[in-house]
PDB file of N, CA and C in Angstrom:
ATOM      1  N   MET A   1       1.531  14.716   8.939  1.00  0.00           N
ATOM      2  CA  MET A   1       3.040  14.916   9.102  1.00  0.00           C
ATOM      3  C   MET A   1       3.162  16.627   8.711  1.00  0.00           C
ATOM      4  N   GLU A   2       3.915  17.198   9.630  1.00  0.00           N
ATOM      5  CA  GLU A   2       4.110  18.533  10.015  1.00  0.00           C
ATOM      6  C   GLU A   2       5.210  19.468   8.801  1.00  0.00           C
ATOM      7  N   LYS A   3       5.276  20.226   8.428  1.00  0.00           N
ATOM      8  CA  LYS A   3       5.832  21.070   7.723  1.00  0.00           C
ATOM      9  C   LYS A   3       7.198  20.527   7.888  1.00  0.00           C
ATOM     10  N   GLY A   4       8.254  20.184   6.990  1.00  0.00           N
ATOM     11  CA  GLY A   4       9.919  20.196   7.198  1.00  0.00           C
ATOM     12  C   GLY A   4      10.111  19.749   5.749  1.00  0.00           C
ATOM     13  N   SER A   5      11.322  19.279   6.180  1.00  0.00           N
ATOM     14  CA  SER A   5      11.848  18.537   4.960  1.00  0.00           C
ATOM     15  C   SER A   5      11.657  16.945   4.847  1.00  0.00           C
ATOM     16  N   PHE A   6      11.278  16.429   3.615  1.00  0.00           N
ATOM     17  CA  PHE A   6      11.084  15.220   3.711  1.00  0.00           C
ATOM     18  C   PHE A   6      11.558  14.604   2.991  1.00  0.00           C
ATOM     19  N   LEU A   7      11.811  12.661   2.276  1.00  0.00           N
ATOM     20  CA  LEU A   7      12.362  12.349   1.370  1.00  0.00           C
ATOM     21  C   LEU A   7      11.105  11.025   1.197  1.00  0.00           C
ATOM     22  N   THR A   8      10.337  11.503  -0.390  1.00  0.00           N
ATOM     23  CA  THR A   8      10.103  10.457  -0.445  1.00  0.00           C
ATOM     24  C   THR A   8      10.302   9.121  -1.914  1.00  0.00           C
ATOM     25  N   VAL A   9      10.348   8.156  -1.517  1.00  0.00           N
ATOM     26  CA  VAL A   9      10.673   6.785  -2.070  1.00  0.00           C
ATOM     27  C   VAL A   9       9.439   6.163  -2.545  1.00  0.00           C
ATOM     28  N   SER A  10       9.626   5.974  -3.875  1.00  0.00           N
ATOM     29  CA  SER A  10       8.546   5.414  -4.584  1.00  0.00           C
ATOM     30  C   SER A  10       8.957   3.671  -4.964  1.00  0.00           C
ATOM     31  N   ILE A  11       8.101   3.097  -5.008  1.00  0.00           N
ATOM     32  CA  ILE A  11       8.161   1.299  -5.028  1.00  0.00           C
ATOM     33  C   ILE A  11       7.420   1.025  -6.359  1.00  0.00           C
ATOM     34  N   LYS A  12       7.817   0.642  -7.242  1.00  0.00           N
ATOM     35  CA  LYS A  12       6.556   0.157  -8.441  1.00  0.00           C
ATOM     36  C   LYS A  12       7.183  -1.189  -8.861  1.00  0.00           C
ATOM     37  N   ASP A  13       6.003  -1.978  -8.952  1.00  0.00           N
ATOM     38  CA  ASP A  13       5.797  -3.466  -9.183  1.00  0.00           C
ATOM     39  C   ASP A  13       5.416  -3.392 -10.445  1.00  0.00           C
ATOM     40  N   THR A  14       5.427  -4.663 -11.300  1.00  0.00           N
ATOM     41  CA  THR A  14       4.489  -4.695 -12.739  1.00  0.00           C
ATOM     42  C   THR A  14       3.935  -5.623 -12.597  1.00  0.00           C
ATOM     43  N   GLY A  15       3.320  -6.057 -11.142  1.00  0.00           N
ATOM     44  CA  GLY A  15       2.212  -6.795 -11.146  1.00  0.00           C
ATOM     45  C   GLY A  15       0.599  -6.836 -11.576  1.00  0.00           C
ATOM     46  N   ILE A  16      -0.269  -7.613 -11.018  1.00  0.00           N
ATOM     47  CA  ILE A  16      -1.699  -7.012 -11.638  1.00  0.00           C
ATOM     48  C   ILE A  16      -1.991  -6.173 -11.638  1.00  0.00           C
ATOM     49  N   GLY A  17      -1.906  -5.299 -11.055  1.00  0.00           N
ATOM     50  CA  GLY A  17      -2.594  -3.864 -10.400  1.00  0.00           C
ATOM     51  C   GLY A  17      -3.322  -4.492  -9.613  1.00  0.00           C
ATOM     52  N   MET A  18      -4.281  -3.382  -9.813  1.00  0.00           N
ATOM     53  CA  MET A  18      -6.057  -3.113  -8.925  1.00  0.00           C
ATOM     54  C   MET A  18      -6.247  -1.818  -9.455  1.00  0.00           C
ATOM     55  N   ASN A  19      -7.591  -2.452  -9.328  1.00  0.00           N
ATOM     56  CA  ASN A  19      -8.910  -1.515  -9.173  1.00  0.00           C
ATOM     57  C   ASN A  19      -9.089  -0.699  -8.437  1.00  0.00           C
ATOM     58  N   PRO A  20      -9.385   1.052  -9.178  1.00  0.00           N
ATOM     59  CA  PRO A  20      -9.306   1.993  -8.212  1.00  0.00           C
ATOM     60  C   PRO A  20     -10.030   1.739  -7.235  1.00  0.00           C
ATOM     61  N   ASP A  21     -11.484   1.148  -7.241  1.00  0.00           N
ATOM     62  CA  ASP A  21     -12.200   1.151  -6.513  1.00  0.00           C
ATOM     63  C   ASP A  21     -11.997   0.628  -5.099  1.00  0.00           C
ATOM     64  N   TYR A  22     -11.291  -0.425  -5.049  1.00  0.00           N
ATOM     65  CA  TYR A  22     -10.669  -1.316  -3.970  1.00  0.00           C
ATOM     66  C   TYR A  22      -9.501  -0.364  -3.381  1.00  0.00           C
ATOM     67  N   LEU A  23      -8.944   0.154  -3.863  1.00  0.00           N
ATOM     68  CA  LEU A  23      -7.731   1.125  -3.205  1.00  0.00           C
ATOM     69  C   LEU A  23      -7.977   1.725  -2.148  1.00  0.00           C
ATOM     70  N   PRO A  24      -9.052   2.039  -1.506  1.00  0.00           N
ATOM     71  CA  PRO A  24      -9.474   2.549  -0.106  1.00  0.00           C
ATOM     72  C   PRO A  24      -9.901   1.933   0.827  1.00  0.00           C
ATOM     73  N   HIS A  25      -9.882   0.361   0.556  1.00  0.00           N
ATOM     74  CA  HIS A  25      -9.655  -0.825   1.706  1.00  0.00           C
ATOM     75  C   HIS A  25      -8.109  -1.509   1.419  1.00  0.00           C
ATOM     76  N   ILE A  26      -7.128  -0.819   0.692  1.00  0.00           N
ATOM     77  CA  ILE A  26      -5.653  -1.577   0.782  1.00  0.00           C
ATOM     78  C   ILE A  26      -4.905  -1.975   1.963  1.00  0.00           C
ATOM     79  N   PHE A  27      -5.386  -1.266   2.728  1.00  0.00           N
ATOM     80  CA  PHE A  27      -4.265  -1.526   3.886  1.00  0.00           C
ATOM     81  C   PHE A  27      -5.594  -1.811   4.730  1.00  0.00           C
ATOM     82  N   THR A  28      -6.528  -2.140   5.060  1.00  0.00           N
ATOM     83  CA  THR A  28      -7.534  -3.047   6.345  1.00  0.00           C
ATOM     84  C   THR A  28      -7.084  -4.366   6.048  1.00  0.00           C
ATOM     85  N   ALA A  29      -6.790  -4.881   7.409  1.00  0.00           N
ATOM     86  CA  ALA A  29      -6.771  -6.266   7.233  1.00  0.00           C
ATOM     87  C   ALA A  29      -7.420  -7.401   7.175  1.00  0.00           C
ATOM     88  N   PHE A  30      -7.149  -8.354   6.725  1.00  0.00           N
ATOM     89  CA  PHE A  30      -8.053  -9.556   5.851  1.00  0.00           C
ATOM     90  C   PHE A  30      -8.910  -9.012   4.917  1.00  0.00           C
ATOM     91  N   THR A  31      -8.579  -8.334   4.269  1.00  0.00           N
ATOM     92  CA  THR A  31      -9.366  -8.238   2.809  1.00  0.00           C
ATOM     93  C   THR A  31      -8.486  -7.863   1.792  1.00  0.00           C
ATOM     94  N   GLN A  32      -8.821  -8.551   0.446  1.00  0.00           N
ATOM     95  CA  GLN A  32      -8.124  -8.832  -0.433  1.00  0.00           C
ATOM     96  C   GLN A  32      -9.299  -7.808  -1.750  1.00  0.00           C
ATOM     97  N   GLU A  33      -8.775  -7.262  -3.127  1.00  0.00           N
ATOM     98  CA  GLU A  33      -9.430  -7.563  -3.864  1.00  0.00           C
ATOM     99  C   GLU A  33     -10.876  -8.821  -4.658  1.00  0.00           C
ATOM    100  N   GLU A  34     -10.083  -9.539  -4.764  1.00  0.00           N
ATOM    101  CA  GLU A  34     -11.116 -11.283  -4.826  1.00  0.00           C
ATOM    102  C   GLU A  34     -11.228 -11.562  -3.535  1.00  0.00           C
ATOM    103  N   GLU A  35     -12.249 -11.990  -3.450  1.00  0.00           N
ATOM    104  CA  GLU A  35     -12.636 -13.297  -2.043  1.00  0.00           C
ATOM    105  C   GLU A  35     -13.512 -14.052  -2.768  1.00  0.00           C
ATOM    106  N   GLY A  36     -13.527 -15.035  -2.043  1.00  0.00           N
ATOM    107  CA  GLY A  36     -14.307 -16.096  -2.357  1.00  0.00           C
ATOM    108  C   GLY A  36     -13.397 -17.465  -2.689  1.00  0.00           C
ATOM    109  N   TYR A  37     -13.986 -18.654  -2.738  1.00  0.00           N
ATOM    110  CA  TYR A  37     -13.086 -19.739  -2.817  1.00  0.00           C
ATOM    111  C   TYR A  37     -12.211 -19.369  -4.198  1.00  0.00           C
ATOM    112  N   LYS A  38     -13.138 -18.938  -5.570  1.00  0.00           N
ATOM    113  CA  LYS A  38     -12.864 -19.452  -6.808  1.00  0.00           C
ATOM    114  C   LYS A  38     -11.205 -18.219  -6.647  1.00  0.00           C
ATOM    115  N   ARG A  39     -11.389 -17.559  -6.359  1.00  0.00           N
ATOM    116  CA  ARG A  39     -10.032 -16.444  -6.138  1.00  0.00           C
ATOM    117  C   ARG A  39      -9.042 -17.524  -6.679  1.00  0.00           C
ATOM    118  N   LYS A  40      -8.270 -16.097  -7.450  1.00  0.00           N
ATOM    119  CA  LYS A  40      -7.014 -16.871  -8.135  1.00  0.00           C
ATOM    120  C   LYS A  40      -5.655 -16.956  -7.170  1.00  0.00           C
ATOM    121  N   PHE A  41      -5.496 -16.027  -6.646  1.00  0.00           N
ATOM    122  CA  PHE A  41      -4.412 -15.710  -5.520  1.00  0.00           C
ATOM    123  C   PHE A  41      -4.360 -16.204  -4.422  1.00  0.00           C
ATOM    124  N   VAL A  42      -3.644 -16.401  -3.492  1.00  0.00           N
ATOM    125  CA  VAL A  42      -3.657 -16.876  -1.946  1.00  0.00           C
ATOM    126  C   VAL A  42      -3.278 -16.191  -0.835  1.00  0.00           C
ATOM    127  N   GLY A  43      -3.768 -16.123   0.220  1.00  0.00           N
ATOM    128  CA  GLY A  43      -3.108 -15.144   1.271  1.00  0.00           C
ATOM    129  C   GLY A  43      -4.365 -14.991   2.343  1.00  0.00           C
ATOM    130  N   ASN A  44      -4.473 -13.859   3.182  1.00  0.00           N
ATOM    131  CA  ASN A  44      -5.676 -13.498   4.298  1.00  0.00           C
ATOM    132  C   ASN A  44      -5.286 -12.126   4.491  1.00  0.00           C
ATOM    133  N   GLY A  45      -4.623 -11.483   3.568  1.00  0.00           N
ATOM    134  CA  GLY A  45      -4.764 -10.383   3.512  1.00  0.00           C
ATOM    135  C   GLY A  45      -4.277  -9.355   4.465  1.00  0.00           C
ATOM    136  N   LEU A  46      -3.101  -9.651   5.476  1.00  0.00           N
ATOM    137  CA  LEU A  46      -2.688  -8.780   6.538  1.00  0.00           C
ATOM    138  C   LEU A  46      -1.202  -8.220   5.570  1.00  0.00           C
ATOM    139  N   GLY A  47      -0.383  -8.915   4.801  1.00  0.00           N
ATOM    140  CA  GLY A  47       0.960  -8.195   4.364  1.00  0.00           C
ATOM    141  C   GLY A  47       0.505  -6.262   4.402  1.00  0.00           C
ATOM    142  N   LEU A  48      -0.293  -5.977   3.786  1.00  0.00           N
ATOM    143  CA  LEU A  48      -0.190  -4.336   3.545  1.00  0.00           C
ATOM    144  C   LEU A  48      -0.876  -3.690   4.405  1.00  0.00           C
ATOM    145  N   SER A  49      -1.496  -4.432   5.538  1.00  0.00           N
ATOM    146  CA  SER A  49      -1.872  -3.755   6.704  1.00  0.00           C
ATOM    147  C   SER A  49      -1.048  -3.726   8.000  1.00  0.00           C
ATOM    148  N   VAL A  50      -0.231  -4.845   8.077  1.00  0.00           N
ATOM    149  CA  VAL A  50       1.297  -4.690   8.752  1.00  0.00           C
ATOM    150  C   VAL A  50       2.230  -3.604   8.123  1.00  0.00           C
ATOM    151  N   VAL A  51       2.064  -3.885   7.086  1.00  0.00           N
ATOM    152  CA  VAL A  51       2.963  -2.761   6.518  1.00  0.00           C
ATOM    153  C   VAL A  51       2.418  -1.167   6.924  1.00  0.00           C
ATOM    154  N   LYS A  52       1.067  -1.028   6.861  1.00  0.00           N
ATOM    155  CA  LYS A  52       0.685   0.162   7.494  1.00  0.00           C
ATOM    156  C   LYS A  52       0.885   0.546   8.818  1.00  0.00           C
ATOM    157  N   GLN A  53       0.942  -0.095   9.202  1.00  0.00           N
ATOM    158  CA  GLN A  53       1.012   0.053  11.070  1.00  0.00           C
ATOM    159  C   GLN A  53       2.250   0.159  11.119  1.00  0.00           C
ATOM    160  N   TYR A  54       3.715  -0.418  10.671  1.00  0.00           N
ATOM    161  CA  TYR A  54       5.119  -0.201  10.883  1.00  0.00           C
ATOM    162  C   TYR A  54       5.288   0.847  10.184  1.00  0.00           C
ATOM    163  N   CYS A  55       4.672   1.419   9.138  1.00  0.00           N
ATOM    164  CA  CYS A  55       4.943   2.778   9.176  1.00  0.00           C
ATOM    165  C   CYS A  55       4.546   3.862   9.674  1.00  0.00           C
ATOM    166  N   GLU A  56       2.935   3.742  10.436  1.00  0.00           N
ATOM    167  CA  GLU A  56       2.316   4.724  11.498  1.00  0.00           C
ATOM    168  C   GLU A  56       3.301   4.709  12.495  1.00  0.00           C
ATOM    169  N   ILE A  57       3.930   3.797  13.036  1.00  0.00           N
ATOM    170  CA  ILE A  57       4.661   3.418  14.312  1.00  0.00           C
ATOM    171  C   ILE A  57       6.260   4.442  13.878  1.00  0.00           C
ATOM    172  N   ASN A  58       6.435   4.209  12.806  1.00  0.00           N
ATOM    173  CA  ASN A  58       7.585   5.016  12.628  1.00  0.00           C
ATOM    174  C   ASN A  58       7.185   6.389  11.650  1.00  0.00           C
ATOM    175  N   ASP A  59       6.282   7.186  12.139  1.00  0.00           N
ATOM    176  CA  ASP A  59       6.046   7.850  11.724  1.00  0.00           C
ATOM    177  C   ASP A  59       6.343   8.738   9.692  1.00  0.00           C
ATOM    178  N   ILE A  60       6.280   7.222   9.215  1.00  0.00           N
ATOM    179  CA  ILE A  60       6.391   7.295   7.674  1.00  0.00           C
ATOM    180  C   ILE A  60       5.052   7.387   6.639  1.00  0.00           C
ATOM    181  N   SER A  61       4.474   8.108   6.085  1.00  0.00           N
ATOM    182  CA  SER A  61       3.454   8.075   5.281  1.00  0.00           C
ATOM    183  C   SER A  61       3.438   7.007   4.553  1.00  0.00           C
ATOM    184  N   ILE A  62       2.121   6.200   3.760  1.00  0.00           N
ATOM    185  CA  ILE A  62       2.482   5.586   2.408  1.00  0.00           C
ATOM    186  C   ILE A  62       1.089   5.451   1.861  1.00  0.00           C
ATOM    187  N   SER A  63       1.220   5.525   0.817  1.00  0.00           N
ATOM    188  CA  SER A  63       0.312   5.955  -0.188  1.00  0.00           C
ATOM    189  C   SER A  63       0.477   5.011  -1.487  1.00  0.00           C
ATOM    190  N   VAL A  64      -0.301   4.639  -2.707  1.00  0.00           N
ATOM    191  CA  VAL A  64      -0.315   3.815  -3.335  1.00  0.00           C
ATOM    192  C   VAL A  64      -1.111   4.445  -4.441  1.00  0.00           C
ATOM    193  N   LYS A  65      -0.881   4.266  -5.656  1.00  0.00           N
ATOM    194  CA  LYS A  65      -1.384   4.314  -7.248  1.00  0.00           C
ATOM    195  C   LYS A  65      -1.308   3.156  -7.811  1.00  0.00           C
ATOM    196  N   SER A  66      -2.347   2.677  -8.478  1.00  0.00           N
ATOM    197  CA  SER A  66      -2.580   1.460  -8.881  1.00  0.00           C
ATOM    198  C   SER A  66      -3.344   1.324  -9.947  1.00  0.00           C
ATOM    199  N   GLU A  67      -2.792   0.479 -11.131  1.00  0.00           N
ATOM    200  CA  GLU A  67      -3.843   0.467 -12.231  1.00  0.00           C
ATOM    201  C   GLU A  67      -3.704  -1.142 -12.421  1.00  0.00           C
ATOM    202  N   LYS A  68      -5.111  -1.616 -12.957  1.00  0.00           N
ATOM    203  CA  LYS A  68      -5.170  -3.180 -12.656  1.00  0.00           C
ATOM    204  C   LYS A  68      -4.431  -3.148 -14.352  1.00  0.00           C
ATOM    205  N   HIS A  69      -3.541  -4.283 -14.228  1.00  0.00           N
ATOM    206  CA  HIS A  69      -3.250  -4.964 -15.312  1.00  0.00           C
ATOM    207  C   HIS A  69      -2.028  -4.559 -15.855  1.00  0.00           C
ATOM    208  N   LEU A  70      -1.453  -3.333 -14.839  1.00  0.00           N
ATOM    209  CA  LEU A  70      -0.554  -2.513 -15.186  1.00  0.00           C
ATOM    210  C   LEU A  70       0.577  -2.286 -13.841  1.00  0.00           C
ATOM    211  N   GLY A  71       0.101  -2.704 -12.594  1.00  0.00           N
ATOM    212  CA  GLY A  71       1.114  -2.956 -11.665  1.00  0.00           C
ATOM    213  C   GLY A  71       0.504  -1.659 -10.558  1.00  0.00           C
ATOM    214  N   SER A  72       1.334  -1.776  -9.175  1.00  0.00           N
ATOM    215  CA  SER A  72       1.013  -0.891  -8.583  1.00  0.00           C
ATOM    216  C   SER A  72       2.113   0.389  -8.148  1.00  0.00           C
ATOM    217  N   ILE A  73       2.429   1.590  -7.879  1.00  0.00           N
ATOM    218  CA  ILE A  73       3.932   2.226  -7.041  1.00  0.00           C
ATOM    219  C   ILE A  73       3.701   2.494  -5.842  1.00  0.00           C
ATOM    220  N   PHE A  74       4.341   2.595  -4.940  1.00  0.00           N
ATOM    221  CA  PHE A  74       4.032   2.691  -3.442  1.00  0.00           C
ATOM    222  C   PHE A  74       4.765   3.660  -3.156  1.00  0.00           C
ATOM    223  N   PHE A  75       3.964   4.998  -2.158  1.00  0.00           N
ATOM    224  CA  PHE A  75       4.621   6.079  -2.149  1.00  0.00           C
ATOM    225  C   PHE A  75       5.090   5.771  -0.792  1.00  0.00           C
ATOM    226  N   LEU A  76       6.532   6.004  -0.320  1.00  0.00           N
ATOM    227  CA  LEU A  76       7.131   6.376   1.202  1.00  0.00           C
ATOM    228  C   LEU A  76       7.214   7.586   1.575  1.00  0.00           C
ATOM    229  N   THR A  77       6.719   8.261   2.534  1.00  0.00           N
ATOM    230  CA  THR A  77       7.273   9.796   2.461  1.00  0.00           C
ATOM    231  C   THR A  77       8.450   9.752   4.163  1.00  0.00           C
ATOM    232  N   PHE A  78       9.188   9.801   4.369  1.00  0.00           N
ATOM    233  CA  PHE A  78       9.806   9.807   5.322  1.00  0.00           C
ATOM    234  C   PHE A  78      10.268  11.258   5.917  1.00  0.00           C
ATOM    235  N   ALA A  79      10.053  11.807   7.009  1.00  0.00           N
ATOM    236  CA  ALA A  79      10.598  13.439   7.781  1.00  0.00           C
ATOM    237  C   ALA A  79      11.478  12.928   8.081  1.00  0.00           C
ATOM    238  N   LEU A  80      12.537  13.932   7.522  1.00  0.00           N
ATOM    239  CA  LEU A  80      14.018  14.426   7.216  1.00  0.00           C
ATOM    240  C   LEU A  80      14.264  15.231   8.799  1.00  0.00           C
ATOM    241  N   GLN A  81      15.194  14.196   9.695  1.00  0.00           N
ATOM    242  CA  GLN A  81      15.595  15.415  11.045  1.00  0.00           C
ATOM    243  C   GLN A  81      16.564  16.148  10.908  1.00  0.00           C
ATOM    244  N   LYS A  82      16.178  17.301  11.694  1.00  0.00           N
ATOM    245  CA  LYS A  82      17.915  18.245  11.217  1.00  0.00           C
ATOM    246  C   LYS A  82      19.020  17.420  11.942  1.00  0.00           C
TER     247      LYS A  82
END
């Protein structure tokens, strides 16, 4: 993003959180922290990759901070127009 005025919104959840080692892969399609037949949660690993693509299309920066068993905080930064 270029220099200028920005608005950052944070969204916090109190879910299961993620290990820091997994965070670089969080926006990759078809990936999940737990894999295989014995995983506890279902899904195909597309949700956050779609969110990332939507943000990129709309010039929104997205990042995440997460800690296992404590939840996650997602940060969305919007460029403000003059």
